[in-house]
PDB file of N, CA and C in Angstrom:
ATOM      1  N   MET A   1     -98.757   8.979 -22.215  1.00  0.00           N
ATOM      2  CA  MET A   1     -99.076   7.823 -21.381  1.00  0.00           C
ATOM      3  C   MET A   1    -100.600   7.763 -21.187  1.00  0.00           C
ATOM      4  N   VAL A   2    -101.168   6.616 -21.434  1.00  0.00           N
ATOM      5  CA  VAL A   2    -102.611   6.431 -21.339  1.00  0.00           C
ATOM      6  C   VAL A   2    -102.934   5.858 -19.959  1.00  0.00           C
ATOM      7  N   SER A   3    -103.960   6.403 -19.330  1.00  0.00           N
ATOM      8  CA  SER A   3    -104.295   5.983 -17.971  1.00  0.00           C
ATOM      9  C   SER A   3    -105.065   4.660 -17.967  1.00  0.00           C
ATOM     10  N   PHE A   4    -105.180   4.095 -16.775  1.00  0.00           N
ATOM     11  CA  PHE A   4    -105.913   2.841 -16.595  1.00  0.00           C
ATOM     12  C   PHE A   4    -107.369   3.005 -16.995  1.00  0.00           C
ATOM     13  N   ALA A   5    -107.966   4.150 -16.637  1.00  0.00           N
ATOM     14  CA  ALA A   5    -109.381   4.380 -16.928  1.00  0.00           C
ATOM     15  C   ALA A   5    -109.643   4.423 -18.435  1.00  0.00           C
ATOM     16  N   GLN A   6    -108.699   4.951 -19.200  1.00  0.00           N
ATOM     17  CA  GLN A   6    -108.884   5.005 -20.640  1.00  0.00           C
ATOM     18  C   GLN A   6    -108.726   3.627 -21.272  1.00  0.00           C
ATOM     19  N   ASN A   7    -107.818   2.820 -20.745  1.00  0.00           N
ATOM     20  CA  ASN A   7    -107.607   1.481 -21.294  1.00  0.00           C
ATOM     21  C   ASN A   7    -108.717   0.517 -20.914  1.00  0.00           C
ATOM     22  N   HIS A   8    -109.259   0.654 -19.720  1.00  0.00           N
ATOM     23  CA  HIS A   8    -110.237  -0.302 -19.194  1.00  0.00           C
ATOM     24  C   HIS A   8    -111.511   0.440 -18.778  1.00  0.00           C
ATOM     25  N   ALA A   9    -112.147   1.093 -19.716  1.00  0.00           N
ATOM     26  CA  ALA A   9    -113.323   1.910 -19.423  1.00  0.00           C
ATOM     27  C   ALA A   9    -114.473   1.067 -18.871  1.00  0.00           C
ATOM     28  N   ILE A  10    -114.673  -0.117 -19.407  1.00  0.00           N
ATOM     29  CA  ILE A  10    -115.777  -0.971 -18.957  1.00  0.00           C
ATOM     30  C   ILE A  10    -115.576  -1.387 -17.506  1.00  0.00           C
ATOM     31  N   VAL A  11    -114.351  -1.727 -17.133  1.00  0.00           N
ATOM     32  CA  VAL A  11    -114.056  -2.126 -15.756  1.00  0.00           C
ATOM     33  C   VAL A  11    -114.314  -0.961 -14.809  1.00  0.00           C
ATOM     34  N   VAL A  12    -113.891   0.227 -15.197  1.00  0.00           N
ATOM     35  CA  VAL A  12    -114.088   1.409 -14.347  1.00  0.00           C
ATOM     36  C   VAL A  12    -115.572   1.708 -14.189  1.00  0.00           C
ATOM     37  N   ILE A  13    -116.339   1.628 -15.275  1.00  0.00           N
ATOM     38  CA  ILE A  13    -117.782   1.885 -15.199  1.00  0.00           C
ATOM     39  C   ILE A  13    -118.464   0.865 -14.297  1.00  0.00           C
ATOM     40  N   LEU A  14    -118.089  -0.405 -14.428  1.00  0.00           N
ATOM     41  CA  LEU A  14    -118.673  -1.448 -13.568  1.00  0.00           C
ATOM     42  C   LEU A  14    -118.325  -1.211 -12.103  1.00  0.00           C
ATOM     43  N   MET A  15    -117.111  -0.797 -11.817  1.00  0.00           N
ATOM     44  CA  MET A  15    -116.709  -0.510 -10.432  1.00  0.00           C
ATOM     45  C   MET A  15    -117.519   0.653  -9.863  1.00  0.00           C
ATOM     46  N   ILE A  16    -117.756   1.676 -10.662  1.00  0.00           N
ATOM     47  CA  ILE A  16    -118.549   2.821 -10.206  1.00  0.00           C
ATOM     48  C   ILE A  16    -119.987   2.399  -9.945  1.00  0.00           C
ATOM     49  N   VAL A  17    -120.560   1.615 -10.862  1.00  0.00           N
ATOM     50  CA  VAL A  17    -121.944   1.154 -10.695  1.00  0.00           C
ATOM     51  C   VAL A  17    -122.069   0.273  -9.455  1.00  0.00           C
ATOM     52  N   LEU A  18    -121.139  -0.647  -9.260  1.00  0.00           N
ATOM     53  CA  LEU A  18    -121.189  -1.509  -8.075  1.00  0.00           C
ATOM     54  C   LEU A  18    -121.018  -0.700  -6.795  1.00  0.00           C
ATOM     55  N   GLY A  19    -120.148   0.297  -6.824  1.00  0.00           N
ATOM     56  CA  GLY A  19    -119.969   1.163  -5.662  1.00  0.00           C
ATOM     57  C   GLY A  19    -121.232   1.933  -5.336  1.00  0.00           C
ATOM     58  N   LEU A  20    -121.915   2.440  -6.365  1.00  0.00           N
ATOM     59  CA  LEU A  20    -123.168   3.164  -6.138  1.00  0.00           C
ATOM     60  C   LEU A  20    -124.265   2.247  -5.601  1.00  0.00           C
ATOM     61  N   ILE A  21    -124.332   1.024  -6.128  1.00  0.00           N
ATOM     62  CA  ILE A  21    -125.328   0.064  -5.629  1.00  0.00           C
ATOM     63  C   ILE A  21    -125.049  -0.273  -4.166  1.00  0.00           C
ATOM     64  N   LEU A  22    -123.793  -0.499  -3.823  1.00  0.00           N
ATOM     65  CA  LEU A  22    -123.429  -0.798  -2.439  1.00  0.00           C
ATOM     66  C   LEU A  22    -123.761   0.393  -1.542  1.00  0.00           C
ATOM     67  N   PHE A  23    -123.472   1.592  -2.002  1.00  0.00           N
ATOM     68  CA  PHE A  23    -123.782   2.800  -1.233  1.00  0.00           C
ATOM     69  C   PHE A  23    -125.280   2.948  -1.043  1.00  0.00           C
ATOM     70  N   MET A  24    -126.064   2.599  -2.086  1.00  0.00           N
ATOM     71  CA  MET A  24    -127.514   2.696  -2.003  1.00  0.00           C
ATOM     72  C   MET A  24    -128.077   1.690  -0.998  1.00  0.00           C
ATOM     73  N   VAL A  25    -127.486   0.504  -0.925  1.00  0.00           N
ATOM     74  CA  VAL A  25    -127.979  -0.527  -0.013  1.00  0.00           C
ATOM     75  C   VAL A  25    -127.598  -0.200   1.432  1.00  0.00           C
ATOM     76  N   ARG A  26    -126.373   0.278   1.630  1.00  0.00           N
ATOM     77  CA  ARG A  26    -125.889   0.551   2.987  1.00  0.00           C
ATOM     78  C   ARG A  26    -126.507   1.807   3.597  1.00  0.00           C
ATOM     79  N   LYS A  27    -126.538   2.895   2.841  1.00  0.00           N
ATOM     80  CA  LYS A  27    -127.046   4.170   3.364  1.00  0.00           C
ATOM     81  C   LYS A  27    -127.970   4.815   2.332  1.00  0.00           C
ATOM     82  N   PRO A  28    -129.185   4.313   2.206  1.00  0.00           N
ATOM     83  CA  PRO A  28    -130.086   4.812   1.158  1.00  0.00           C
ATOM     84  C   PRO A  28    -130.477   6.276   1.329  1.00  0.00           C
ATOM     85  N   LYS A  29    -130.660   6.733   2.568  1.00  0.00           N
ATOM     86  CA  LYS A  29    -131.070   8.119   2.787  1.00  0.00           C
ATOM     87  C   LYS A  29    -129.986   9.080   2.292  1.00  0.00           C
ATOM     88  N   LEU A  30    -128.752   8.808   2.631  1.00  0.00           N
ATOM     89  CA  LEU A  30    -127.642   9.646   2.185  1.00  0.00           C
ATOM     90  C   LEU A  30    -127.465   9.549   0.670  1.00  0.00           C
ATOM     91  N   PHE A  31    -127.620   8.343   0.126  1.00  0.00           N
ATOM     92  CA  PHE A  31    -127.484   8.141  -1.316  1.00  0.00           C
ATOM     93  C   PHE A  31    -128.499   8.989  -2.086  1.00  0.00           C
ATOM     94  N   PHE A  32    -129.759   8.894  -1.696  1.00  0.00           N
ATOM     95  CA  PHE A  32    -130.791   9.641  -2.421  1.00  0.00           C
ATOM     96  C   PHE A  32    -130.681  11.141  -2.172  1.00  0.00           C
ATOM     97  N   SER A  33    -130.200  11.539  -1.002  1.00  0.00           N
ATOM     98  CA  SER A  33    -129.959  12.959  -0.748  1.00  0.00           C
ATOM     99  C   SER A  33    -128.878  13.491  -1.683  1.00  0.00           C
ATOM    100  N   LEU A  34    -127.800  12.732  -1.842  1.00  0.00           N
ATOM    101  CA  LEU A  34    -126.721  13.156  -2.734  1.00  0.00           C
ATOM    102  C   LEU A  34    -127.160  13.152  -4.197  1.00  0.00           C
ATOM    103  N   ILE A  35    -127.964  12.166  -4.584  1.00  0.00           N
ATOM    104  CA  ILE A  35    -128.483  12.132  -5.953  1.00  0.00           C
ATOM    105  C   ILE A  35    -129.374  13.354  -6.194  1.00  0.00           C
ATOM    106  N   GLY A  36    -130.231  13.681  -5.236  1.00  0.00           N
ATOM    107  CA  GLY A  36    -131.092  14.857  -5.362  1.00  0.00           C
ATOM    108  C   GLY A  36    -130.293  16.147  -5.434  1.00  0.00           C
ATOM    109  N   LEU A  37    -129.262  16.261  -4.615  1.00  0.00           N
ATOM    110  CA  LEU A  37    -128.406  17.445  -4.648  1.00  0.00           C
ATOM    111  C   LEU A  37    -127.682  17.545  -5.988  1.00  0.00           C
ATOM    112  N   GLY A  38    -127.212  16.425  -6.499  1.00  0.00           N
ATOM    113  CA  GLY A  38    -126.544  16.421  -7.801  1.00  0.00           C
ATOM    114  C   GLY A  38    -127.473  16.837  -8.924  1.00  0.00           C
ATOM    115  N   LEU A  39    -128.715  16.351  -8.887  1.00  0.00           N
ATOM    116  CA  LEU A  39    -129.694  16.736  -9.903  1.00  0.00           C
ATOM    117  C   LEU A  39    -130.047  18.219  -9.802  1.00  0.00           C
ATOM    118  N   LEU A  40    -130.156  18.720  -8.579  1.00  0.00           N
ATOM    119  CA  LEU A  40    -130.445  20.136  -8.388  1.00  0.00           C
ATOM    120  C   LEU A  40    -129.316  21.001  -8.939  1.00  0.00           C
ATOM    121  N   LEU A  41    -128.073  20.635  -8.634  1.00  0.00           N
ATOM    122  CA  LEU A  41    -126.931  21.395  -9.140  1.00  0.00           C
ATOM    123  C   LEU A  41    -126.836  21.316 -10.663  1.00  0.00           C
ATOM    124  N   ALA A  42    -127.100  20.141 -11.222  1.00  0.00           N
ATOM    125  CA  ALA A  42    -127.076  20.002 -12.682  1.00  0.00           C
ATOM    126  C   ALA A  42    -128.158  20.870 -13.316  1.00  0.00           C
ATOM    127  N   GLY A  43    -129.319  20.931 -12.703  1.00  0.00           N
ATOM    128  CA  GLY A  43    -130.389  21.782 -13.203  1.00  0.00           C
ATOM    129  C   GLY A  43    -130.016  23.254 -13.143  1.00  0.00           C
ATOM    130  N   LEU A  44    -129.380  23.673 -12.052  1.00  0.00           N
ATOM    131  CA  LEU A  44    -128.951  25.066 -11.939  1.00  0.00           C
ATOM    132  C   LEU A  44    -127.914  25.425 -12.999  1.00  0.00           C
ATOM    133  N   VAL A  45    -126.971  24.535 -13.231  1.00  0.00           N
ATOM    134  CA  VAL A  45    -125.951  24.782 -14.254  1.00  0.00           C
ATOM    135  C   VAL A  45    -126.599  24.873 -15.626  1.00  0.00           C
ATOM    136  N   TYR A  46    -127.558  24.002 -15.892  1.00  0.00           N
ATOM    137  CA  TYR A  46    -128.267  24.027 -17.175  1.00  0.00           C
ATOM    138  C   TYR A  46    -128.995  25.352 -17.373  1.00  0.00           C
ATOM    139  N   VAL A  47    -129.695  25.807 -16.339  1.00  0.00           N
ATOM    140  CA  VAL A  47    -130.439  27.061 -16.441  1.00  0.00           C
ATOM    141  C   VAL A  47    -129.490  28.234 -16.646  1.00  0.00           C
ATOM    142  N   ILE A  48    -128.392  28.269 -15.906  1.00  0.00           N
ATOM    143  CA  ILE A  48    -127.427  29.358 -16.038  1.00  0.00           C
ATOM    144  C   ILE A  48    -126.836  29.384 -17.444  1.00  0.00           C
ATOM    145  N   LEU A  49    -126.471  28.221 -17.966  1.00  0.00           N
ATOM    146  CA  LEU A  49    -125.889  28.169 -19.304  1.00  0.00           C
ATOM    147  C   LEU A  49    -126.907  28.518 -20.387  1.00  0.00           C
ATOM    148  N   SER A  50    -128.149  28.110 -20.202  1.00  0.00           N
ATOM    149  CA  SER A  50    -129.156  28.426 -21.215  1.00  0.00           C
ATOM    150  C   SER A  50    -129.507  29.908 -21.204  1.00  0.00           C
ATOM    151  N   ILE A  51    -129.413  30.551 -20.050  1.00  0.00           N
ATOM    152  CA  ILE A  51    -129.683  31.986 -19.976  1.00  0.00           C
ATOM    153  C   ILE A  51    -128.514  32.786 -20.527  1.00  0.00           C
ATOM    154  N   SER A  52    -127.303  32.365 -20.213  1.00  0.00           N
ATOM    155  CA  SER A  52    -126.124  33.144 -20.619  1.00  0.00           C
ATOM    156  C   SER A  52    -125.788  32.973 -22.099  1.00  0.00           C
ATOM    157  N   GLY A  53    -126.215  31.907 -22.738  1.00  0.00           N
ATOM    158  CA  GLY A  53    -125.911  31.675 -24.143  1.00  0.00           C
ATOM    159  C   GLY A  53    -126.406  32.766 -25.068  1.00  0.00           C
ATOM    160  N   PRO A  54    -127.692  33.068 -25.066  1.00  0.00           N
ATOM    161  CA  PRO A  54    -128.199  34.132 -25.944  1.00  0.00           C
ATOM    162  C   PRO A  54    -127.604  35.504 -25.606  1.00  0.00           C
ATOM    163  N   GLY A  55    -127.333  35.750 -24.329  1.00  0.00           N
ATOM    164  CA  GLY A  55    -126.763  37.029 -23.941  1.00  0.00           C
ATOM    165  C   GLY A  55    -125.364  37.232 -24.495  1.00  0.00           C
ATOM    166  N   SER A  56    -124.558  36.182 -24.483  1.00  0.00           N
ATOM    167  CA  SER A  56    -123.196  36.314 -25.008  1.00  0.00           C
ATOM    168  C   SER A  56    -123.208  36.473 -26.530  1.00  0.00           C
ATOM    169  N   GLU A  57    -124.144  35.810 -27.197  1.00  0.00           N
ATOM    170  CA  GLU A  57    -124.260  35.973 -28.649  1.00  0.00           C
ATOM    171  C   GLU A  57    -124.664  37.406 -28.996  1.00  0.00           C
ATOM    172  N   GLN A  58    -125.573  37.963 -28.216  1.00  0.00           N
ATOM    173  CA  GLN A  58    -126.014  39.336 -28.458  1.00  0.00           C
ATOM    174  C   GLN A  58    -124.855  40.312 -28.208  1.00  0.00           C
ATOM    175  N   LYS A  59    -124.053  40.034 -27.181  1.00  0.00           N
ATOM    176  CA  LYS A  59    -122.909  40.891 -26.886  1.00  0.00           C
ATOM    177  C   LYS A  59    -121.899  40.869 -28.037  1.00  0.00           C
ATOM    178  N   LYS A  60    -121.623  39.678 -28.573  1.00  0.00           N
ATOM    179  CA  LYS A  60    -120.702  39.573 -29.708  1.00  0.00           C
ATOM    180  C   LYS A  60    -121.239  40.342 -30.915  1.00  0.00           C
ATOM    181  N   LYS A  61    -122.549  40.257 -31.137  1.00  0.00           N
ATOM    182  CA  LYS A  61    -123.172  40.954 -32.260  1.00  0.00           C
ATOM    183  C   LYS A  61    -123.021  42.467 -32.106  1.00  0.00           C
ATOM    184  N   LEU A  62    -123.246  42.967 -30.883  1.00  0.00           N
ATOM    185  CA  LEU A  62    -123.108  44.397 -30.630  1.00  0.00           C
ATOM    186  C   LEU A  62    -121.667  44.864 -30.809  1.00  0.00           C
ATOM    187  N   ILE A  63    -120.712  44.074 -30.336  1.00  0.00           N
ATOM    188  CA  ILE A  63    -119.300  44.423 -30.491  1.00  0.00           C
ATOM    189  C   ILE A  63    -118.935  44.475 -31.966  1.00  0.00           C
ATOM    190  N   HIS A  64    -119.425  43.508 -32.726  1.00  0.00           N
ATOM    191  CA  HIS A  64    -119.142  43.473 -34.166  1.00  0.00           C
ATOM    192  C   HIS A  64    -119.729  44.705 -34.856  1.00  0.00           C
ATOM    193  N   GLN A  65    -120.940  45.100 -34.458  1.00  0.00           N
ATOM    194  CA  GLN A  65    -121.556  46.286 -35.046  1.00  0.00           C
ATOM    195  C   GLN A  65    -120.767  47.548 -34.700  1.00  0.00           C
ATOM    196  N   GLU A  66    -120.283  47.632 -33.474  1.00  0.00           N
ATOM    197  CA  GLU A  66    -119.486  48.797 -33.068  1.00  0.00           C
ATOM    198  C   GLU A  66    -118.177  48.865 -33.851  1.00  0.00           C
ATOM    199  N   GLU A  67    -117.560  47.712 -34.075  1.00  0.00           N
ATOM    200  CA  GLU A  67    -116.318  47.683 -34.845  1.00  0.00           C
ATOM    201  C   GLU A  67    -116.565  48.132 -36.284  1.00  0.00           C
ATOM    202  N   GLU A  68    -117.678  47.696 -36.859  1.00  0.00           N
ATOM    203  CA  GLU A  68    -118.007  48.109 -38.234  1.00  0.00           C
ATOM    204  C   GLU A  68    -118.260  49.619 -38.289  1.00  0.00           C
ATOM    205  N   GLN A  69    -118.937  50.158 -37.300  1.00  0.00           N
ATOM    206  CA  GLN A  69    -119.204  51.591 -37.280  1.00  0.00           C
ATOM    207  C   GLN A  69    -117.920  52.403 -37.101  1.00  0.00           C
ATOM    208  N   SER A  70    -117.012  51.923 -36.251  1.00  0.00           N
ATOM    209  CA  SER A  70    -115.762  52.649 -36.041  1.00  0.00           C
ATOM    210  C   SER A  70    -114.877  52.574 -37.287  1.00  0.00           C
ATOM    211  N   ASP A  71    -114.952  51.485 -38.038  1.00  0.00           N
ATOM    212  CA  ASP A  71    -114.185  51.366 -39.286  1.00  0.00           C
ATOM    213  C   ASP A  71    -114.717  52.316 -40.360  1.00  0.00           C
ATOM    214  N   THR A  72    -116.026  52.514 -40.398  1.00  0.00           N
ATOM    215  CA  THR A  72    -116.608  53.397 -41.410  1.00  0.00           C
ATOM    216  C   THR A  72    -116.365  54.866 -41.070  1.00  0.00           C
ATOM    217  N   ASN A  73    -116.173  55.168 -39.780  1.00  0.00           N
ATOM    218  CA  ASN A  73    -115.926  56.557 -39.369  1.00  0.00           C
ATOM    219  C   ASN A  73    -114.492  56.999 -39.655  1.00  0.00           C
ATOM    220  N   ARG A  74    -113.585  56.100 -39.885  1.00  0.00           N
ATOM    221  CA  ARG A  74    -112.178  56.451 -40.086  1.00  0.00           C
ATOM    222  C   ARG A  74    -111.922  56.932 -41.459  1.00  0.00           C
TER     223      ARG A  74
END
């Protein structure tokens, strides 16, 4: 079963944009505070993922090397 949002993506996007514009006009201080908080959280997630990416690749490489060494010792 396909949801309404999947069938009418343009309508849903327009409703979200209009809701955000209305929220910005009615309570601009709260709107910009929430936008700033969202950007801060997105930045933190980006930094965490960019730091953890190389570390996990290095861990996989080390595990693979250990497996190769244990296979040669048998």
